[in-house]
Amino acid sequence: MERFEIIATTIFGLEEVLAAELNEIGATNIEILSRAVRFKGDKAMLYKCNLLLRTAVKVLKPINTFFAANEQQLYDKIKKIDWNDYFSYNRTFAIDGSTHSDYFTHSKFVALKSKDAIADQFRERYSIRPSVDPENPDMRINVHINDRTVVVSLDSSGTALSKRNYRLELTDAPINEVLAAGIILLSGWDKKCDFIDPMCGSGTFPIEAALLANNIPAGKNRKFGFETWADFDIDIWNEIKAG
């Protein structure tokens, strides 16, 4: 099976915890970045990361890297990617933009120009363009700019992996599930002794501890972005879910 670069994003301070999780499930070429970990894996690893990782926020598959110093260069190079390889005009899409650059200072502008480039490519080729669905798209695309380096990735997670979907109701200001899981893993808890949450609140800590102690996958109760991809392999996915 083809191996490729994968990037798992996380919360600042949890990079080493995430790297340890990745090592445990068999990822290779692991490299710790700021708020992310880069590694190598195949399609099965991509699926497994979404299901199992407790401290990842998103699992991204980079498909193109290039340099851009202005909006026209960004537009032109996004448009050069053959988007029909990844989704068709009758599917929906959304762009998440992020930027740490003096050349591009607004992430929403990055997302808008990228959206225009993709939509224009489809319209020029098929005389029809795919619709944008910011809430529940068939394909979510991540465009990250650092200085002049642009990395375009497919977002295999869809909604953030902190959305575990085990809550029936929300309380005021619940702690992020990824952060709670990371704190538990950093604490060195052995999964055998009593676990006490003196803060009570929304119950995130004991729920995450229970999932960890019982080896229940963090993503057991949710769907993922890759399930709507053109190359989604249901047989591989069912095998991974079966353990």
C-alpha atoms as a PDB file:
ATOM      1  CA  MET A   1       0.000   0.000   0.000  1.00  0.00           C
ATOM      2  CA  GLU A   2       1.281   3.464  -0.902  1.00  0.00           C
ATOM      3  CA  ARG A   3       2.886   5.415   1.947  1.00  0.00           C
ATOM      4  CA  PHE A   4       2.708   9.197   2.107  1.00  0.00           C
ATOM      5  CA  GLU A   5       3.263  12.157   4.408  1.00  0.00           C
ATOM      6  CA  ILE A   6       0.614  12.816   7.056  1.00  0.00           C
ATOM      7  CA  ILE A   7       0.377  15.711   9.509  1.00  0.00           C
ATOM      8  CA  ALA A   8      -1.541  15.465  12.777  1.00  0.00           C
ATOM      9  CA  THR A   9      -2.229  18.797  14.440  1.00  0.00           C
ATOM     10  CA  THR A  10      -2.596  19.239  18.180  1.00  0.00           C
ATOM     11  CA  ILE A  11      -2.725  21.752  21.017  1.00  0.00           C
ATOM     12  CA  PHE A  12       0.498  23.567  21.949  1.00  0.00           C
ATOM     13  CA  GLY A  13       2.347  21.541  24.577  1.00  0.00           C
ATOM     14  CA  LEU A  14       0.948  18.150  23.554  1.00  0.00           C
ATOM     15  CA  GLU A  15       3.259  17.521  20.597  1.00  0.00           C
ATOM     16  CA  GLU A  16       5.408  14.925  22.395  1.00  0.00           C
ATOM     17  CA  VAL A  17       2.346  13.161  23.785  1.00  0.00           C
ATOM     18  CA  LEU A  18       0.917  12.938  20.270  1.00  0.00           C
ATOM     19  CA  ALA A  19       4.240  11.677  18.904  1.00  0.00           C
ATOM     20  CA  ALA A  20       4.223   8.919  21.541  1.00  0.00           C
ATOM     21  CA  GLU A  21       0.692   7.938  20.516  1.00  0.00           C
ATOM     22  CA  LEU A  22       1.752   7.792  16.874  1.00  0.00           C
ATOM     23  CA  ASN A  23       4.752   5.637  17.688  1.00  0.00           C
ATOM     24  CA  GLU A  24       2.495   3.259  19.613  1.00  0.00           C
ATOM     25  CA  ILE A  25       0.175   2.679  16.643  1.00  0.00           C
ATOM     26  CA  GLY A  26       3.018   2.129  14.171  1.00  0.00           C
ATOM     27  CA  ALA A  27       3.626   5.476  12.446  1.00  0.00           C
ATOM     28  CA  THR A  28       7.139   5.989  11.052  1.00  0.00           C
ATOM     29  CA  ASN A  29       9.465   8.924  10.281  1.00  0.00           C
ATOM     30  CA  ILE A  30       7.902  10.855  13.164  1.00  0.00           C
ATOM     31  CA  GLU A  31       8.945  14.521  13.351  1.00  0.00           C
ATOM     32  CA  ILE A  32       7.695  16.898  16.039  1.00  0.00           C
ATOM     33  CA  LEU A  33       6.670  20.361  14.813  1.00  0.00           C
ATOM     34  CA  SER A  34       4.967  23.297  16.539  1.00  0.00           C
ATOM     35  CA  ARG A  35       1.371  22.268  17.307  1.00  0.00           C
ATOM     36  CA  ALA A  36       1.737  19.316  14.946  1.00  0.00           C
ATOM     37  CA  VAL A  37       3.563  16.075  14.247  1.00  0.00           C
ATOM     38  CA  ARG A  38       4.641  14.977  10.756  1.00  0.00           C
ATOM     39  CA  PHE A  39       5.006  11.276   9.931  1.00  0.00           C
ATOM     40  CA  LYS A  40       4.662   8.642   7.213  1.00  0.00           C
ATOM     41  CA  GLY A  41       1.876   6.135   6.781  1.00  0.00           C
ATOM     42  CA  ASP A  42      -0.512   4.489   4.351  1.00  0.00           C
ATOM     43  CA  LYS A  43      -4.277   4.712   3.940  1.00  0.00           C
ATOM     44  CA  ALA A  44      -4.822   2.306   6.829  1.00  0.00           C
ATOM     45  CA  MET A  45      -2.644   4.465   9.076  1.00  0.00           C
ATOM     46  CA  LEU A  46      -4.612   7.575   8.063  1.00  0.00           C
ATOM     47  CA  TYR A  47      -7.850   5.873   9.086  1.00  0.00           C
ATOM     48  CA  LYS A  48      -6.321   4.479  12.272  1.00  0.00           C
ATOM     49  CA  CYS A  49      -5.044   7.897  13.359  1.00  0.00           C
ATOM     50  CA  ASN A  50      -8.506   9.409  13.150  1.00  0.00           C
ATOM     51  CA  LEU A  51     -10.072   6.576  15.111  1.00  0.00           C
ATOM     52  CA  LEU A  52      -7.448   6.078  17.816  1.00  0.00           C
ATOM     53  CA  LEU A  53      -5.490   9.265  18.504  1.00  0.00           C
ATOM     54  CA  ARG A  54      -6.620  11.027  21.676  1.00  0.00           C
ATOM     55  CA  THR A  55      -4.439  14.139  21.407  1.00  0.00           C
ATOM     56  CA  ALA A  56      -4.808  14.986  17.697  1.00  0.00           C
ATOM     57  CA  VAL A  57      -7.082  17.821  16.560  1.00  0.00           C
ATOM     58  CA  LYS A  58      -6.932  17.123  12.810  1.00  0.00           C
ATOM     59  CA  VAL A  59      -5.254  14.532  10.570  1.00  0.00           C
ATOM     60  CA  LEU A  60      -4.175  16.136   7.291  1.00  0.00           C
ATOM     61  CA  LYS A  61      -2.899  14.620   4.033  1.00  0.00           C
ATOM     62  CA  PRO A  62      -0.664  17.159   2.213  1.00  0.00           C
ATOM     63  CA  ILE A  63      -1.131  17.054  -1.568  1.00  0.00           C
ATOM     64  CA  ASN A  64       0.852  20.100  -2.749  1.00  0.00           C
ATOM     65  CA  THR A  65       3.484  22.519  -1.467  1.00  0.00           C
ATOM     66  CA  PHE A  66       4.525  25.691  -3.282  1.00  0.00           C
ATOM     67  CA  PHE A  67       5.735  29.268  -2.799  1.00  0.00           C
ATOM     68  CA  ALA A  68       3.480  32.318  -3.146  1.00  0.00           C
ATOM     69  CA  ALA A  69       4.160  35.965  -2.320  1.00  0.00           C
ATOM     70  CA  ASN A  70       0.846  37.522  -3.371  1.00  0.00           C
ATOM     71  CA  GLU A  71      -2.810  36.688  -3.929  1.00  0.00           C
ATOM     72  CA  GLN A  72      -2.464  36.106  -7.684  1.00  0.00           C
ATOM     73  CA  GLN A  73       0.307  33.552  -7.186  1.00  0.00           C
ATOM     74  CA  LEU A  74      -1.780  31.823  -4.523  1.00  0.00           C
ATOM     75  CA  TYR A  75      -4.828  31.735  -6.812  1.00  0.00           C
ATOM     76  CA  ASP A  76      -2.879  30.519  -9.859  1.00  0.00           C
ATOM     77  CA  LYS A  77      -1.073  27.714  -8.033  1.00  0.00           C
ATOM     78  CA  ILE A  78      -4.165  26.485  -6.207  1.00  0.00           C
ATOM     79  CA  LYS A  79      -5.929  26.441  -9.572  1.00  0.00           C
ATOM     80  CA  LYS A  80      -3.128  24.365 -11.155  1.00  0.00           C
ATOM     81  CA  ILE A  81      -3.890  21.439  -8.829  1.00  0.00           C
ATOM     82  CA  ASP A  82      -6.174  18.967 -10.613  1.00  0.00           C
ATOM     83  CA  TRP A  83      -9.049  19.024  -8.133  1.00  0.00           C
ATOM     84  CA  ASN A  84     -11.019  16.494 -10.141  1.00  0.00           C
ATOM     85  CA  ASP A  85      -8.561  13.916  -8.773  1.00  0.00           C
ATOM     86  CA  TYR A  86     -10.042  14.488  -5.316  1.00  0.00           C
ATOM     87  CA  PHE A  87     -13.717  15.355  -5.739  1.00  0.00           C
ATOM     88  CA  SER A  88     -16.250  16.115  -8.459  1.00  0.00           C
ATOM     89  CA  TYR A  89     -18.356  19.152  -9.277  1.00  0.00           C
ATOM     90  CA  ASN A  90     -21.483  17.581  -7.772  1.00  0.00           C
ATOM     91  CA  ARG A  91     -19.852  17.346  -4.330  1.00  0.00           C
ATOM     92  CA  THR A  92     -19.556  20.084  -1.717  1.00  0.00           C
ATOM     93  CA  PHE A  93     -16.328  21.515  -0.323  1.00  0.00           C
ATOM     94  CA  ALA A  94     -14.977  23.953   2.250  1.00  0.00           C
ATOM     95  CA  ILE A  95     -11.631  25.646   2.854  1.00  0.00           C
ATOM     96  CA  ASP A  96      -9.906  26.149   6.199  1.00  0.00           C
ATOM     97  CA  GLY A  97      -7.168  28.784   5.901  1.00  0.00           C
ATOM     98  CA  SER A  98      -4.389  29.558   8.352  1.00  0.00           C
ATOM     99  CA  THR A  99      -1.460  31.923   7.930  1.00  0.00           C
ATOM    100  CA  HIS A 100       1.720  32.991   9.703  1.00  0.00           C
ATOM    101  CA  SER A 101       3.050  35.373   7.069  1.00  0.00           C
ATOM    102  CA  ASP A 102       3.757  39.019   6.308  1.00  0.00           C
ATOM    103  CA  TYR A 103       2.583  38.335   2.742  1.00  0.00           C
ATOM    104  CA  PHE A 104      -0.811  36.935   3.762  1.00  0.00           C
ATOM    105  CA  THR A 105      -2.188  38.390   6.975  1.00  0.00           C
ATOM    106  CA  HIS A 106      -5.823  37.228   6.959  1.00  0.00           C
ATOM    107  CA  SER A 107      -6.734  33.543   7.049  1.00  0.00           C
ATOM    108  CA  LYS A 108     -10.266  34.197   5.757  1.00  0.00           C
ATOM    109  CA  PHE A 109      -8.804  35.921   2.686  1.00  0.00           C
ATOM    110  CA  VAL A 110      -6.581  32.891   2.059  1.00  0.00           C
ATOM    111  CA  ALA A 111      -9.638  30.636   2.271  1.00  0.00           C
ATOM    112  CA  LEU A 112     -11.633  32.900  -0.069  1.00  0.00           C
ATOM    113  CA  LYS A 113      -8.947  33.052  -2.799  1.00  0.00           C
ATOM    114  CA  SER A 114      -8.418  29.306  -2.575  1.00  0.00           C
ATOM    115  CA  LYS A 115     -12.158  28.690  -2.846  1.00  0.00           C
ATOM    116  CA  ASP A 116     -12.362  30.948  -5.910  1.00  0.00           C
ATOM    117  CA  ALA A 117      -9.481  29.130  -7.616  1.00  0.00           C
ATOM    118  CA  ILE A 118     -11.049  25.703  -7.105  1.00  0.00           C
ATOM    119  CA  ALA A 119     -14.538  26.823  -8.128  1.00  0.00           C
ATOM    120  CA  ASP A 120     -13.192  28.575 -11.237  1.00  0.00           C
ATOM    121  CA  GLN A 121     -11.292  25.461 -12.326  1.00  0.00           C
ATOM    122  CA  PHE A 122     -14.461  23.361 -12.222  1.00  0.00           C
ATOM    123  CA  ARG A 123     -16.547  26.048 -13.924  1.00  0.00           C
ATOM    124  CA  GLU A 124     -14.076  26.460 -16.787  1.00  0.00           C
ATOM    125  CA  ARG A 125     -13.835  22.703 -17.277  1.00  0.00           C
ATOM    126  CA  TYR A 126     -17.455  21.623 -16.783  1.00  0.00           C
ATOM    127  CA  SER A 127     -19.471  24.881 -16.932  1.00  0.00           C
ATOM    128  CA  ILE A 128     -20.619  24.132 -13.399  1.00  0.00           C
ATOM    129  CA  ARG A 129     -18.978  24.598 -10.021  1.00  0.00           C
ATOM    130  CA  PRO A 130     -19.245  22.637  -6.777  1.00  0.00           C
ATOM    131  CA  SER A 131     -21.146  24.231  -3.915  1.00  0.00           C
ATOM    132  CA  VAL A 132     -19.493  25.414  -0.724  1.00  0.00           C
ATOM    133  CA  ASP A 133     -20.783  23.893   2.519  1.00  0.00           C
ATOM    134  CA  PRO A 134     -18.822  25.281   5.482  1.00  0.00           C
ATOM    135  CA  GLU A 135     -20.587  23.057   8.024  1.00  0.00           C
ATOM    136  CA  ASN A 136     -20.703  19.567   6.520  1.00  0.00           C
ATOM    137  CA  PRO A 137     -18.757  19.398   3.234  1.00  0.00           C
ATOM    138  CA  ASP A 138     -17.915  16.255   1.297  1.00  0.00           C
ATOM    139  CA  MET A 139     -14.334  17.530   1.016  1.00  0.00           C
ATOM    140  CA  ARG A 140     -12.659  19.807   3.551  1.00  0.00           C
ATOM    141  CA  ILE A 141      -9.383  21.357   2.366  1.00  0.00           C
ATOM    142  CA  ASN A 142      -6.715  22.949   4.543  1.00  0.00           C
ATOM    143  CA  VAL A 143      -4.494  25.747   3.181  1.00  0.00           C
ATOM    144  CA  HIS A 144      -1.662  26.664   5.556  1.00  0.00           C
ATOM    145  CA  ILE A 145       0.819  29.461   4.812  1.00  0.00           C
ATOM    146  CA  ASN A 146       4.087  29.958   6.681  1.00  0.00           C
ATOM    147  CA  ASP A 147       5.908  33.023   5.299  1.00  0.00           C
ATOM    148  CA  ARG A 148       5.733  32.216   1.540  1.00  0.00           C
ATOM    149  CA  THR A 149       5.411  28.439   1.833  1.00  0.00           C
ATOM    150  CA  VAL A 150       1.905  27.179   1.104  1.00  0.00           C
ATOM    151  CA  VAL A 151       0.888  23.645   2.084  1.00  0.00           C
ATOM    152  CA  VAL A 152      -2.402  22.381   0.667  1.00  0.00           C
ATOM    153  CA  SER A 153      -3.854  19.356   2.447  1.00  0.00           C
ATOM    154  CA  LEU A 154      -6.959  17.215   2.439  1.00  0.00           C
ATOM    155  CA  ASP A 155      -8.573  17.194   5.880  1.00  0.00           C
ATOM    156  CA  SER A 156      -9.283  13.535   6.609  1.00  0.00           C
ATOM    157  CA  SER A 157     -10.931  14.275   9.961  1.00  0.00           C
ATOM    158  CA  GLY A 158     -13.743  16.604   8.943  1.00  0.00           C
ATOM    159  CA  THR A 159     -14.854  18.194  12.193  1.00  0.00           C
ATOM    160  CA  ALA A 160     -12.159  18.505  14.863  1.00  0.00           C
ATOM    161  CA  LEU A 161     -11.280  15.231  16.574  1.00  0.00           C
ATOM    162  CA  SER A 162     -12.140  16.823  19.915  1.00  0.00           C
ATOM    163  CA  LYS A 163     -15.763  16.283  18.840  1.00  0.00           C
ATOM    164  CA  ARG A 164     -16.051  12.771  20.264  1.00  0.00           C
ATOM    165  CA  ASN A 165     -19.865  12.726  20.045  1.00  0.00           C
ATOM    166  CA  TYR A 166     -20.368  11.097  23.432  1.00  0.00           C
ATOM    167  CA  ARG A 167     -22.244  14.051  24.971  1.00  0.00           C
ATOM    168  CA  LEU A 168     -26.018  14.295  25.078  1.00  0.00           C
ATOM    169  CA  GLU A 169     -25.895  17.841  26.447  1.00  0.00           C
ATOM    170  CA  LEU A 170     -23.237  20.541  26.866  1.00  0.00           C
ATOM    171  CA  THR A 171     -22.428  22.458  30.029  1.00  0.00           C
ATOM    172  CA  ASP A 172     -20.976  25.957  30.142  1.00  0.00           C
ATOM    173  CA  ALA A 173     -17.329  26.121  28.992  1.00  0.00           C
ATOM    174  CA  PRO A 174     -16.456  22.392  29.013  1.00  0.00           C
ATOM    175  CA  ILE A 175     -12.748  21.616  28.729  1.00  0.00           C
ATOM    176  CA  ASN A 176     -11.583  20.529  25.279  1.00  0.00           C
ATOM    177  CA  GLU A 177     -11.531  16.731  25.039  1.00  0.00           C
ATOM    178  CA  VAL A 178      -8.103  16.668  23.376  1.00  0.00           C
ATOM    179  CA  LEU A 179      -6.648  18.816  26.156  1.00  0.00           C
ATOM    180  CA  ALA A 180      -8.254  16.646  28.845  1.00  0.00           C
ATOM    181  CA  ALA A 181      -6.873  13.457  27.283  1.00  0.00           C
ATOM    182  CA  GLY A 182      -3.437  15.058  26.963  1.00  0.00           C
ATOM    183  CA  ILE A 183      -3.368  16.107  30.620  1.00  0.00           C
ATOM    184  CA  ILE A 184      -4.336  12.587  31.697  1.00  0.00           C
ATOM    185  CA  LEU A 185      -1.587  11.051  29.554  1.00  0.00           C
ATOM    186  CA  LEU A 186       0.940  13.560  30.899  1.00  0.00           C
ATOM    187  CA  SER A 187      -0.084  12.769  34.485  1.00  0.00           C
ATOM    188  CA  GLY A 188       1.286   9.246  34.256  1.00  0.00           C
ATOM    189  CA  TRP A 189      -1.963   7.687  35.487  1.00  0.00           C
ATOM    190  CA  ASP A 190      -1.612   3.891  35.289  1.00  0.00           C
ATOM    191  CA  LYS A 191      -5.254   3.207  34.308  1.00  0.00           C
ATOM    192  CA  LYS A 192      -5.587   0.940  37.367  1.00  0.00           C
ATOM    193  CA  CYS A 193      -5.704   3.154  40.462  1.00  0.00           C
ATOM    194  CA  ASP A 194      -8.715   5.327  41.292  1.00  0.00           C
ATOM    195  CA  PHE A 195      -9.190   8.381  39.108  1.00  0.00           C
ATOM    196  CA  ILE A 196     -10.566  11.443  40.907  1.00  0.00           C
ATOM    197  CA  ASP A 197     -11.785  14.623  39.221  1.00  0.00           C
ATOM    198  CA  PRO A 198     -12.103  17.250  41.988  1.00  0.00           C
ATOM    199  CA  MET A 199     -13.293  19.897  39.516  1.00  0.00           C
ATOM    200  CA  CYS A 200     -16.417  17.964  38.442  1.00  0.00           C
ATOM    201  CA  GLY A 201     -17.957  20.310  35.856  1.00  0.00           C
ATOM    202  CA  SER A 202     -18.791  18.683  32.526  1.00  0.00           C
ATOM    203  CA  GLY A 203     -17.203  15.313  33.305  1.00  0.00           C
ATOM    204  CA  THR A 204     -14.689  15.436  30.477  1.00  0.00           C
ATOM    205  CA  PHE A 205     -11.761  14.186  32.579  1.00  0.00           C
ATOM    206  CA  PRO A 206     -13.474  11.037  33.930  1.00  0.00           C
ATOM    207  CA  ILE A 207     -15.022  10.260  30.537  1.00  0.00           C
ATOM    208  CA  GLU A 208     -11.651  10.507  28.786  1.00  0.00           C
ATOM    209  CA  ALA A 209     -10.062   8.472  31.595  1.00  0.00           C
ATOM    210  CA  ALA A 210     -12.713   5.770  31.213  1.00  0.00           C
ATOM    211  CA  LEU A 211     -12.135   5.598  27.451  1.00  0.00           C
ATOM    212  CA  LEU A 212      -8.389   5.312  28.035  1.00  0.00           C
ATOM    213  CA  ALA A 213      -8.654   2.677  30.785  1.00  0.00           C
ATOM    214  CA  ASN A 214     -10.975   0.503  28.704  1.00  0.00           C
ATOM    215  CA  ASN A 215      -9.038   0.948  25.444  1.00  0.00           C
ATOM    216  CA  ILE A 216     -12.101   2.443  23.753  1.00  0.00           C
ATOM    217  CA  PRO A 217     -11.101   4.385  20.618  1.00  0.00           C
ATOM    218  CA  ALA A 218     -11.480   8.145  20.974  1.00  0.00           C
ATOM    219  CA  GLY A 219     -13.372   8.334  17.671  1.00  0.00           C
ATOM    220  CA  LYS A 220     -15.662   5.349  18.214  1.00  0.00           C
ATOM    221  CA  ASN A 221     -18.881   7.406  18.155  1.00  0.00           C
ATOM    222  CA  ARG A 222     -18.294   9.695  15.172  1.00  0.00           C
ATOM    223  CA  LYS A 223     -17.858   9.960  11.411  1.00  0.00           C
ATOM    224  CA  PHE A 224     -14.768  11.236   9.589  1.00  0.00           C
ATOM    225  CA  GLY A 225     -14.059  13.297   6.502  1.00  0.00           C
ATOM    226  CA  PHE A 226     -12.231  10.503   4.680  1.00  0.00           C
ATOM    227  CA  GLU A 227     -15.456   8.464   4.574  1.00  0.00           C
ATOM    228  CA  THR A 228     -16.706  10.721   1.746  1.00  0.00           C
ATOM    229  CA  TRP A 229     -13.447  10.658  -0.257  1.00  0.00           C
ATOM    230  CA  ALA A 230     -13.450   9.156  -3.751  1.00  0.00           C
ATOM    231  CA  ASP A 231     -10.766   6.613  -2.765  1.00  0.00           C
ATOM    232  CA  PHE A 232     -12.384   5.581   0.533  1.00  0.00           C
ATOM    233  CA  ASP A 233     -11.794   1.862   1.142  1.00  0.00           C
ATOM    234  CA  ILE A 234     -14.644   0.447   3.214  1.00  0.00           C
ATOM    235  CA  ASP A 235     -12.915  -2.938   3.628  1.00  0.00           C
ATOM    236  CA  ILE A 236      -9.807  -1.398   5.193  1.00  0.00           C
ATOM    237  CA  TRP A 237     -11.980   0.791   7.408  1.00  0.00           C
ATOM    238  CA  ASN A 238     -14.118  -2.113   8.637  1.00  0.00           C
ATOM    239  CA  GLU A 239     -10.999  -4.137   9.411  1.00  0.00           C
ATOM    240  CA  ILE A 240      -9.541  -1.274  11.472  1.00  0.00           C
ATOM    241  CA  LYS A 241     -12.786  -0.754  13.392  1.00  0.00           C
ATOM    242  CA  ALA A 242     -12.960  -4.464  14.143  1.00  0.00           C
ATOM    243  CA  GLY A 243      -9.618  -4.138  15.912  1.00  0.00           C
END
